[in-house]
N, C-alpha and C. Protein backbone atom coordinates (compact mmCIF):
# COMPACT_ATOMS: atom_id res chain seq x y z
N MET A 1 46.79 -25.57 47.44
CA MET A 1 45.49 -24.98 47.54
C MET A 1 44.54 -25.97 48.22
N SER A 2 43.77 -25.48 49.15
CA SER A 2 42.87 -26.38 49.87
C SER A 2 41.59 -26.59 49.09
N LYS A 3 40.89 -27.67 49.43
CA LYS A 3 39.64 -28.00 48.75
C LYS A 3 38.59 -26.91 48.96
N ASN A 4 38.61 -26.28 50.09
CA ASN A 4 37.64 -25.24 50.42
C ASN A 4 37.79 -24.04 49.48
N ASN A 5 39.02 -23.62 49.25
CA ASN A 5 39.27 -22.49 48.33
C ASN A 5 38.87 -22.85 46.90
N TYR A 6 39.11 -24.09 46.52
CA TYR A 6 38.77 -24.54 45.17
C TYR A 6 37.25 -24.49 44.96
N LYS A 7 36.46 -24.90 45.95
CA LYS A 7 35.01 -24.89 45.85
C LYS A 7 34.49 -23.46 45.75
N LYS A 8 35.09 -22.53 46.49
CA LYS A 8 34.66 -21.13 46.43
C LYS A 8 34.91 -20.57 45.03
N GLY A 9 35.97 -20.85 44.43
CA GLY A 9 36.31 -20.37 43.09
C GLY A 9 35.42 -20.98 42.02
N SER A 10 35.08 -22.27 42.16
CA SER A 10 34.22 -22.90 41.16
C SER A 10 32.80 -22.37 41.24
N GLY A 11 32.32 -21.97 42.42
CA GLY A 11 31.00 -21.36 42.56
C GLY A 11 30.94 -20.04 41.82
N LEU A 12 32.00 -19.27 41.90
CA LEU A 12 32.07 -18.00 41.20
C LEU A 12 32.08 -18.23 39.69
N ALA A 13 32.80 -19.24 39.23
CA ALA A 13 32.83 -19.57 37.81
C ALA A 13 31.45 -20.00 37.32
N GLU A 14 30.73 -20.76 38.13
CA GLU A 14 29.38 -21.19 37.74
C GLU A 14 28.44 -19.99 37.63
N ILE A 15 28.57 -19.04 38.54
CA ILE A 15 27.75 -17.83 38.48
C ILE A 15 28.07 -17.03 37.22
N LEU A 16 29.33 -16.90 36.87
CA LEU A 16 29.72 -16.17 35.66
C LEU A 16 29.19 -16.85 34.40
N VAL A 17 29.24 -18.16 34.34
CA VAL A 17 28.71 -18.91 33.20
C VAL A 17 27.19 -18.71 33.11
N ALA A 18 26.50 -18.76 34.24
CA ALA A 18 25.04 -18.57 34.26
C ALA A 18 24.68 -17.16 33.79
N VAL A 19 25.41 -16.14 34.25
CA VAL A 19 25.16 -14.76 33.82
C VAL A 19 25.42 -14.63 32.33
N PHE A 20 26.47 -15.26 31.83
CA PHE A 20 26.78 -15.21 30.40
C PHE A 20 25.66 -15.84 29.58
N ILE A 21 25.18 -17.01 29.98
CA ILE A 21 24.09 -17.69 29.27
C ILE A 21 22.81 -16.86 29.32
N PHE A 22 22.51 -16.31 30.50
CA PHE A 22 21.32 -15.47 30.66
C PHE A 22 21.40 -14.23 29.75
N SER A 23 22.58 -13.61 29.65
CA SER A 23 22.71 -12.41 28.81
C SER A 23 22.56 -12.77 27.32
N ILE A 24 23.01 -13.93 26.90
CA ILE A 24 22.83 -14.36 25.50
C ILE A 24 21.34 -14.59 25.23
N ILE A 25 20.64 -15.24 26.13
CA ILE A 25 19.20 -15.49 25.96
C ILE A 25 18.43 -14.18 25.94
N LEU A 26 18.75 -13.29 26.85
CA LEU A 26 18.06 -12.00 26.91
C LEU A 26 18.33 -11.18 25.65
N GLY A 27 19.56 -11.16 25.20
CA GLY A 27 19.91 -10.45 23.96
C GLY A 27 19.17 -11.02 22.76
N SER A 28 19.04 -12.34 22.69
CA SER A 28 18.31 -12.99 21.59
C SER A 28 16.84 -12.60 21.63
N LEU A 29 16.24 -12.59 22.82
CA LEU A 29 14.84 -12.21 22.94
C LEU A 29 14.61 -10.76 22.51
N VAL A 30 15.52 -9.88 22.87
CA VAL A 30 15.40 -8.47 22.46
C VAL A 30 15.51 -8.36 20.94
N GLU A 31 16.40 -9.10 20.33
CA GLU A 31 16.56 -9.08 18.87
C GLU A 31 15.32 -9.62 18.17
N VAL A 32 14.76 -10.71 18.66
CA VAL A 32 13.53 -11.28 18.08
C VAL A 32 12.38 -10.29 18.20
N ALA A 33 12.25 -9.64 19.34
CA ALA A 33 11.19 -8.64 19.53
C ALA A 33 11.37 -7.48 18.57
N SER A 34 12.59 -7.07 18.35
CA SER A 34 12.87 -5.97 17.42
C SER A 34 12.49 -6.35 15.99
N ILE A 35 12.83 -7.55 15.58
CA ILE A 35 12.47 -8.03 14.24
C ILE A 35 10.95 -8.12 14.10
N TYR A 36 10.29 -8.62 15.12
CA TYR A 36 8.83 -8.73 15.11
C TYR A 36 8.18 -7.36 14.96
N LEU A 37 8.63 -6.38 15.74
CA LEU A 37 8.05 -5.04 15.67
C LEU A 37 8.29 -4.38 14.31
N ALA A 38 9.47 -4.58 13.74
CA ALA A 38 9.74 -4.02 12.41
C ALA A 38 8.83 -4.67 11.37
N GLY A 39 8.64 -5.96 11.47
CA GLY A 39 7.76 -6.67 10.53
C GLY A 39 6.31 -6.28 10.68
N SER A 40 5.87 -6.03 11.90
CA SER A 40 4.47 -5.65 12.09
C SER A 40 4.22 -4.25 11.54
N GLY A 41 5.20 -3.37 11.61
CA GLY A 41 5.06 -2.03 11.01
C GLY A 41 4.94 -2.12 9.51
N GLU A 42 5.73 -2.99 8.88
CA GLU A 42 5.66 -3.18 7.44
C GLU A 42 4.32 -3.79 7.05
N SER A 43 3.83 -4.71 7.84
CA SER A 43 2.54 -5.34 7.57
C SER A 43 1.41 -4.32 7.67
N LEU A 44 1.50 -3.43 8.62
CA LEU A 44 0.49 -2.39 8.78
C LEU A 44 0.46 -1.48 7.56
N LYS A 45 1.63 -1.11 7.05
CA LYS A 45 1.68 -0.26 5.85
C LYS A 45 1.12 -1.00 4.65
N SER A 46 1.41 -2.27 4.52
CA SER A 46 0.90 -3.06 3.41
C SER A 46 -0.62 -3.15 3.46
N THR A 47 -1.17 -3.37 4.65
CA THR A 47 -2.62 -3.44 4.81
C THR A 47 -3.26 -2.10 4.48
N LYS A 48 -2.66 -1.03 4.98
CA LYS A 48 -3.21 0.30 4.70
C LYS A 48 -3.10 0.62 3.21
N GLY A 49 -2.03 0.19 2.56
CA GLY A 49 -1.89 0.40 1.12
C GLY A 49 -3.00 -0.30 0.34
N ALA A 50 -3.34 -1.52 0.74
CA ALA A 50 -4.43 -2.25 0.08
C ALA A 50 -5.75 -1.53 0.29
N TYR A 51 -5.98 -1.03 1.49
CA TYR A 51 -7.21 -0.28 1.77
C TYR A 51 -7.28 0.98 0.91
N LEU A 52 -6.17 1.71 0.82
CA LEU A 52 -6.15 2.94 0.03
C LEU A 52 -6.36 2.68 -1.46
N ALA A 53 -5.89 1.54 -1.95
CA ALA A 53 -6.12 1.18 -3.36
C ALA A 53 -7.61 0.95 -3.59
N GLY A 54 -8.25 0.21 -2.70
CA GLY A 54 -9.69 -0.02 -2.81
C GLY A 54 -10.47 1.27 -2.71
N GLU A 55 -10.06 2.14 -1.80
CA GLU A 55 -10.70 3.45 -1.68
C GLU A 55 -10.53 4.26 -2.96
N GLY A 56 -9.38 4.13 -3.60
CA GLY A 56 -9.13 4.84 -4.85
C GLY A 56 -10.09 4.40 -5.95
N ILE A 57 -10.33 3.10 -6.04
CA ILE A 57 -11.29 2.59 -7.03
C ILE A 57 -12.67 3.16 -6.75
N GLU A 58 -13.07 3.15 -5.49
CA GLU A 58 -14.39 3.69 -5.12
C GLU A 58 -14.47 5.19 -5.41
N ALA A 59 -13.39 5.92 -5.19
CA ALA A 59 -13.37 7.35 -5.48
C ALA A 59 -13.56 7.61 -6.97
N VAL A 60 -12.91 6.81 -7.81
CA VAL A 60 -13.09 6.98 -9.27
C VAL A 60 -14.53 6.66 -9.66
N LYS A 61 -15.13 5.67 -9.03
CA LYS A 61 -16.54 5.37 -9.31
C LYS A 61 -17.44 6.54 -8.92
N ILE A 62 -17.12 7.21 -7.83
CA ILE A 62 -17.90 8.39 -7.42
C ILE A 62 -17.72 9.50 -8.46
N ILE A 63 -16.52 9.68 -8.95
CA ILE A 63 -16.28 10.67 -10.01
C ILE A 63 -17.11 10.31 -11.24
N ARG A 64 -17.14 9.02 -11.58
CA ARG A 64 -17.96 8.56 -12.70
C ARG A 64 -19.43 8.87 -12.47
N ASP A 65 -19.90 8.67 -11.26
CA ASP A 65 -21.31 8.87 -10.94
C ASP A 65 -21.73 10.34 -11.05
N THR A 66 -20.77 11.26 -10.99
CA THR A 66 -21.12 12.68 -11.17
C THR A 66 -21.22 13.05 -12.64
N GLY A 67 -20.81 12.15 -13.52
CA GLY A 67 -20.92 12.38 -14.96
C GLY A 67 -19.86 11.61 -15.72
N TRP A 68 -20.28 10.84 -16.73
CA TRP A 68 -19.34 10.03 -17.51
C TRP A 68 -18.29 10.90 -18.19
N GLY A 69 -18.66 12.13 -18.50
CA GLY A 69 -17.71 13.06 -19.12
C GLY A 69 -16.49 13.31 -18.24
N ASN A 70 -16.65 13.19 -16.92
CA ASN A 70 -15.49 13.34 -16.02
C ASN A 70 -14.47 12.24 -16.25
N ILE A 71 -14.94 11.05 -16.56
CA ILE A 71 -14.05 9.92 -16.81
C ILE A 71 -13.42 10.01 -18.20
N THR A 72 -14.22 10.34 -19.20
CA THR A 72 -13.70 10.40 -20.57
C THR A 72 -12.74 11.57 -20.76
N SER A 73 -12.74 12.52 -19.83
CA SER A 73 -11.81 13.65 -19.95
C SER A 73 -10.39 13.28 -19.55
N PHE A 74 -10.21 12.14 -18.88
CA PHE A 74 -8.87 11.71 -18.48
C PHE A 74 -8.10 11.20 -19.70
N THR A 75 -6.86 11.65 -19.84
CA THR A 75 -5.99 11.18 -20.92
C THR A 75 -5.53 9.76 -20.59
N ASP A 76 -5.60 8.87 -21.59
CA ASP A 76 -5.18 7.49 -21.37
C ASP A 76 -3.74 7.42 -20.86
N ASN A 77 -3.54 6.49 -19.93
CA ASN A 77 -2.21 6.14 -19.40
C ASN A 77 -1.47 7.33 -18.78
N THR A 78 -2.21 8.25 -18.19
CA THR A 78 -1.62 9.41 -17.52
C THR A 78 -1.93 9.32 -16.03
N ASN A 79 -0.93 9.62 -15.21
CA ASN A 79 -1.13 9.58 -13.76
C ASN A 79 -1.99 10.74 -13.29
N TYR A 80 -3.01 10.41 -12.50
CA TYR A 80 -3.83 11.40 -11.82
C TYR A 80 -3.82 11.08 -10.33
N TYR A 81 -4.02 12.11 -9.53
CA TYR A 81 -4.02 11.96 -8.07
C TYR A 81 -5.42 12.29 -7.57
N LEU A 82 -5.86 11.58 -6.57
CA LEU A 82 -7.19 11.79 -6.00
C LEU A 82 -7.10 12.67 -4.77
N TYR A 83 -8.09 13.52 -4.61
CA TYR A 83 -8.21 14.28 -3.38
C TYR A 83 -9.69 14.50 -3.06
N PHE A 84 -9.96 14.65 -1.79
CA PHE A 84 -11.33 14.84 -1.34
C PHE A 84 -11.54 16.33 -1.14
N ASP A 85 -12.36 16.93 -1.99
CA ASP A 85 -12.59 18.37 -1.98
C ASP A 85 -13.63 18.71 -0.92
N THR A 86 -13.20 19.42 0.09
CA THR A 86 -14.10 19.84 1.17
C THR A 86 -14.33 21.34 1.16
N SER A 87 -14.09 21.97 0.00
CA SER A 87 -14.21 23.43 -0.05
C SER A 87 -15.65 23.90 0.12
N SER A 88 -16.60 23.06 -0.22
CA SER A 88 -18.00 23.40 -0.02
C SER A 88 -18.60 22.42 0.99
N SER A 89 -19.25 22.94 2.00
CA SER A 89 -19.77 22.07 3.06
C SER A 89 -20.89 21.16 2.57
N THR A 90 -21.55 21.52 1.47
CA THR A 90 -22.65 20.69 0.98
C THR A 90 -22.21 19.73 -0.12
N ASN A 91 -21.08 19.98 -0.76
CA ASN A 91 -20.65 19.15 -1.89
C ASN A 91 -19.26 18.56 -1.68
N ASN A 92 -19.02 17.92 -0.55
CA ASN A 92 -17.76 17.23 -0.36
C ASN A 92 -17.71 16.08 -1.36
N ILE A 93 -16.68 16.07 -2.19
CA ILE A 93 -16.66 15.10 -3.29
C ILE A 93 -15.21 14.78 -3.69
N TRP A 94 -15.03 13.58 -4.23
CA TRP A 94 -13.73 13.19 -4.76
C TRP A 94 -13.48 13.88 -6.08
N LYS A 95 -12.22 14.30 -6.27
CA LYS A 95 -11.81 14.92 -7.52
C LYS A 95 -10.44 14.39 -7.91
N ALA A 96 -10.10 14.58 -9.18
CA ALA A 96 -8.80 14.15 -9.68
C ALA A 96 -7.99 15.38 -10.07
N THR A 97 -6.69 15.28 -9.89
CA THR A 97 -5.79 16.37 -10.25
C THR A 97 -4.49 15.79 -10.78
N SER A 98 -3.74 16.62 -11.47
CA SER A 98 -2.42 16.18 -11.94
C SER A 98 -1.32 16.62 -10.96
N THR A 99 -1.73 17.28 -9.88
CA THR A 99 -0.79 17.73 -8.85
C THR A 99 -0.52 16.59 -7.87
N ILE A 100 0.74 16.33 -7.63
CA ILE A 100 1.13 15.25 -6.72
C ILE A 100 0.58 15.52 -5.33
N SER A 101 -0.02 14.50 -4.75
CA SER A 101 -0.51 14.61 -3.38
C SER A 101 -0.23 13.30 -2.64
N LEU A 102 0.09 13.43 -1.37
CA LEU A 102 0.38 12.26 -0.54
C LEU A 102 -0.79 11.98 0.38
N VAL A 103 -0.95 10.73 0.74
CA VAL A 103 -1.95 10.31 1.72
C VAL A 103 -1.20 9.97 3.00
N ASP A 104 -1.56 10.59 4.09
CA ASP A 104 -0.90 10.39 5.39
C ASP A 104 0.60 10.66 5.34
N SER A 105 1.03 11.51 4.45
CA SER A 105 2.44 11.91 4.30
C SER A 105 3.38 10.76 3.95
N ILE A 106 2.83 9.60 3.63
CA ILE A 106 3.66 8.41 3.35
C ILE A 106 3.33 7.83 1.98
N PHE A 107 2.05 7.69 1.69
CA PHE A 107 1.58 6.97 0.52
C PHE A 107 1.33 7.91 -0.66
N THR A 108 1.74 7.47 -1.84
CA THR A 108 1.40 8.17 -3.07
C THR A 108 0.36 7.33 -3.78
N ARG A 109 -0.80 7.93 -4.04
CA ARG A 109 -1.88 7.20 -4.71
C ARG A 109 -2.13 7.86 -6.06
N THR A 110 -1.99 7.08 -7.11
CA THR A 110 -2.28 7.56 -8.45
C THR A 110 -3.28 6.61 -9.10
N PHE A 111 -3.90 7.10 -10.16
CA PHE A 111 -4.71 6.20 -10.97
C PHE A 111 -4.54 6.57 -12.43
N LYS A 112 -4.73 5.57 -13.26
CA LYS A 112 -4.68 5.75 -14.71
C LYS A 112 -5.97 5.23 -15.30
N SER A 113 -6.41 5.89 -16.34
CA SER A 113 -7.59 5.48 -17.09
C SER A 113 -7.13 5.04 -18.47
N ASN A 114 -7.65 3.93 -18.95
CA ASN A 114 -7.28 3.45 -20.28
C ASN A 114 -8.53 3.04 -21.05
N SER A 115 -8.48 3.26 -22.35
CA SER A 115 -9.59 2.87 -23.22
C SER A 115 -9.71 1.36 -23.27
N VAL A 116 -10.91 0.90 -23.56
CA VAL A 116 -11.20 -0.53 -23.62
C VAL A 116 -11.64 -0.86 -25.04
N TYR A 117 -11.15 -1.99 -25.55
CA TYR A 117 -11.51 -2.46 -26.88
C TYR A 117 -12.16 -3.84 -26.75
N ARG A 118 -13.13 -4.09 -27.61
CA ARG A 118 -13.87 -5.37 -27.56
C ARG A 118 -13.83 -6.04 -28.93
N ASP A 119 -13.86 -7.39 -28.89
CA ASP A 119 -13.91 -8.16 -30.14
C ASP A 119 -15.36 -8.23 -30.62
N ILE A 120 -15.60 -8.96 -31.70
CA ILE A 120 -16.95 -9.01 -32.28
C ILE A 120 -17.96 -9.71 -31.36
N ASN A 121 -17.44 -10.47 -30.36
CA ASN A 121 -18.32 -11.14 -29.41
C ASN A 121 -18.55 -10.31 -28.14
N GLY A 122 -17.98 -9.12 -28.10
CA GLY A 122 -18.16 -8.25 -26.95
C GLY A 122 -17.18 -8.47 -25.81
N ARG A 123 -16.19 -9.35 -26.03
CA ARG A 123 -15.18 -9.61 -25.00
C ARG A 123 -14.08 -8.56 -25.07
N ILE A 124 -13.57 -8.18 -23.90
CA ILE A 124 -12.48 -7.22 -23.84
C ILE A 124 -11.21 -7.87 -24.38
N VAL A 125 -10.51 -7.14 -25.25
CA VAL A 125 -9.25 -7.64 -25.85
C VAL A 125 -8.14 -6.65 -25.56
N GLN A 126 -6.92 -7.15 -25.54
CA GLN A 126 -5.75 -6.31 -25.28
C GLN A 126 -5.34 -5.49 -26.50
N SER A 127 -5.56 -6.06 -27.68
CA SER A 127 -5.20 -5.33 -28.90
C SER A 127 -6.24 -5.65 -29.98
N GLY A 128 -6.36 -4.72 -30.91
CA GLY A 128 -7.37 -4.89 -31.96
C GLY A 128 -8.75 -4.62 -31.39
N GLY A 129 -9.77 -5.01 -32.09
CA GLY A 129 -11.13 -4.83 -31.61
C GLY A 129 -11.66 -3.43 -31.87
N THR A 130 -12.83 -3.19 -31.34
CA THR A 130 -13.52 -1.92 -31.52
C THR A 130 -13.53 -1.17 -30.20
N LEU A 131 -13.28 0.14 -30.28
CA LEU A 131 -13.27 0.98 -29.08
C LEU A 131 -14.65 0.98 -28.43
N ASP A 132 -14.69 0.72 -27.12
CA ASP A 132 -15.91 0.76 -26.34
C ASP A 132 -15.95 2.12 -25.64
N LEU A 133 -16.78 3.02 -26.11
CA LEU A 133 -16.84 4.38 -25.56
C LEU A 133 -17.49 4.43 -24.19
N HIS A 134 -18.09 3.33 -23.74
CA HIS A 134 -18.82 3.33 -22.48
C HIS A 134 -18.15 2.50 -21.38
N THR A 135 -16.89 2.13 -21.59
CA THR A 135 -16.14 1.36 -20.59
C THR A 135 -14.71 1.89 -20.54
N LYS A 136 -14.16 1.96 -19.34
CA LYS A 136 -12.76 2.35 -19.14
C LYS A 136 -12.11 1.39 -18.15
N LYS A 137 -10.84 1.14 -18.34
CA LYS A 137 -10.07 0.36 -17.38
C LYS A 137 -9.39 1.35 -16.44
N ILE A 138 -9.58 1.15 -15.13
CA ILE A 138 -8.99 2.01 -14.12
C ILE A 138 -7.97 1.20 -13.32
N THR A 139 -6.76 1.74 -13.19
CA THR A 139 -5.72 1.10 -12.40
C THR A 139 -5.25 2.08 -11.34
N VAL A 140 -5.42 1.70 -10.08
CA VAL A 140 -4.97 2.52 -8.95
C VAL A 140 -3.65 1.95 -8.46
N SER A 141 -2.71 2.84 -8.21
CA SER A 141 -1.39 2.46 -7.72
C SER A 141 -1.12 3.16 -6.39
N ILE A 142 -0.70 2.39 -5.41
CA ILE A 142 -0.31 2.93 -4.10
C ILE A 142 1.16 2.59 -3.91
N SER A 143 1.98 3.59 -3.61
CA SER A 143 3.41 3.31 -3.37
C SER A 143 3.87 4.04 -2.12
N TRP A 144 4.87 3.45 -1.47
CA TRP A 144 5.47 4.04 -0.28
C TRP A 144 6.88 3.52 -0.14
N LYS A 145 7.69 4.29 0.59
CA LYS A 145 9.08 3.90 0.83
C LYS A 145 9.14 2.89 1.96
N LEU A 146 9.93 1.86 1.73
CA LEU A 146 10.14 0.84 2.74
C LEU A 146 11.64 0.56 2.78
N LYS A 147 12.27 1.05 3.83
CA LYS A 147 13.73 1.00 3.96
C LYS A 147 14.35 1.72 2.77
N ASN A 148 15.10 1.05 1.93
CA ASN A 148 15.75 1.72 0.79
C ASN A 148 15.07 1.43 -0.53
N ALA A 149 13.83 0.95 -0.49
CA ALA A 149 13.12 0.58 -1.71
C ALA A 149 11.72 1.16 -1.68
N THR A 150 11.07 1.14 -2.83
CA THR A 150 9.69 1.58 -2.92
C THR A 150 8.80 0.36 -3.12
N THR A 151 7.76 0.27 -2.32
CA THR A 151 6.78 -0.81 -2.42
C THR A 151 5.55 -0.26 -3.13
N THR A 152 4.99 -1.04 -4.05
CA THR A 152 3.83 -0.59 -4.82
C THR A 152 2.77 -1.68 -4.85
N LYS A 153 1.53 -1.26 -4.68
CA LYS A 153 0.37 -2.16 -4.84
C LYS A 153 -0.47 -1.61 -5.97
N LEU A 154 -0.96 -2.50 -6.83
CA LEU A 154 -1.82 -2.12 -7.95
C LEU A 154 -3.16 -2.80 -7.82
N LEU A 155 -4.22 -2.08 -8.20
CA LEU A 155 -5.56 -2.63 -8.22
C LEU A 155 -6.25 -2.11 -9.47
N SER A 156 -6.76 -3.02 -10.30
CA SER A 156 -7.40 -2.63 -11.56
C SER A 156 -8.83 -3.12 -11.61
N THR A 157 -9.64 -2.36 -12.30
CA THR A 157 -11.04 -2.74 -12.53
C THR A 157 -11.54 -2.05 -13.78
N TYR A 158 -12.69 -2.48 -14.26
CA TYR A 158 -13.35 -1.82 -15.37
C TYR A 158 -14.56 -1.09 -14.83
N ILE A 159 -14.76 0.13 -15.31
CA ILE A 159 -15.97 0.86 -14.95
C ILE A 159 -16.73 1.19 -16.24
N ALA A 160 -18.03 1.31 -16.12
CA ALA A 160 -18.86 1.56 -17.28
C ALA A 160 -19.76 2.76 -17.03
N ASP A 161 -20.20 3.35 -18.12
CA ASP A 161 -21.15 4.44 -18.08
C ASP A 161 -22.50 3.85 -17.74
N ILE A 162 -22.93 4.01 -16.49
CA ILE A 162 -24.16 3.34 -16.04
C ILE A 162 -25.38 4.27 -16.03
N LEU A 163 -25.17 5.53 -16.31
CA LEU A 163 -26.31 6.46 -16.26
C LEU A 163 -26.91 6.70 -17.63
């Protein structure tokens, strides 16, 4: 074999090695981009879930503002769903229902109301104490499916009869 033929063959081998290395780098970049896009979608859902939990707390406060009796009518530790009633053009208002409802066809938003008990110093206690008829603990839960699991965010606050 002459030196000339050997050089022609080695040039072809160098090109094949370069194409192989380039295809590995390109494949890696595509995989990294795919992982990034999947993660950003999950982050967006998590952010929206946090927003919906905060909105849920505000919705319960609006229900409270229409009358404390609306809050005291909720059974302790029972799931309720929030919806925005637009049936009347002048009285668009948040309401609670026991009927399951989804937000944006993805998120399930529920809230629970629980009685609050206070010690003799007026501090909230987990057990014992005296029932405070003018305060309720509200816990909003937002859940959604993420791959093969359910992700849930919780937000709790105390509301009081302010009127």
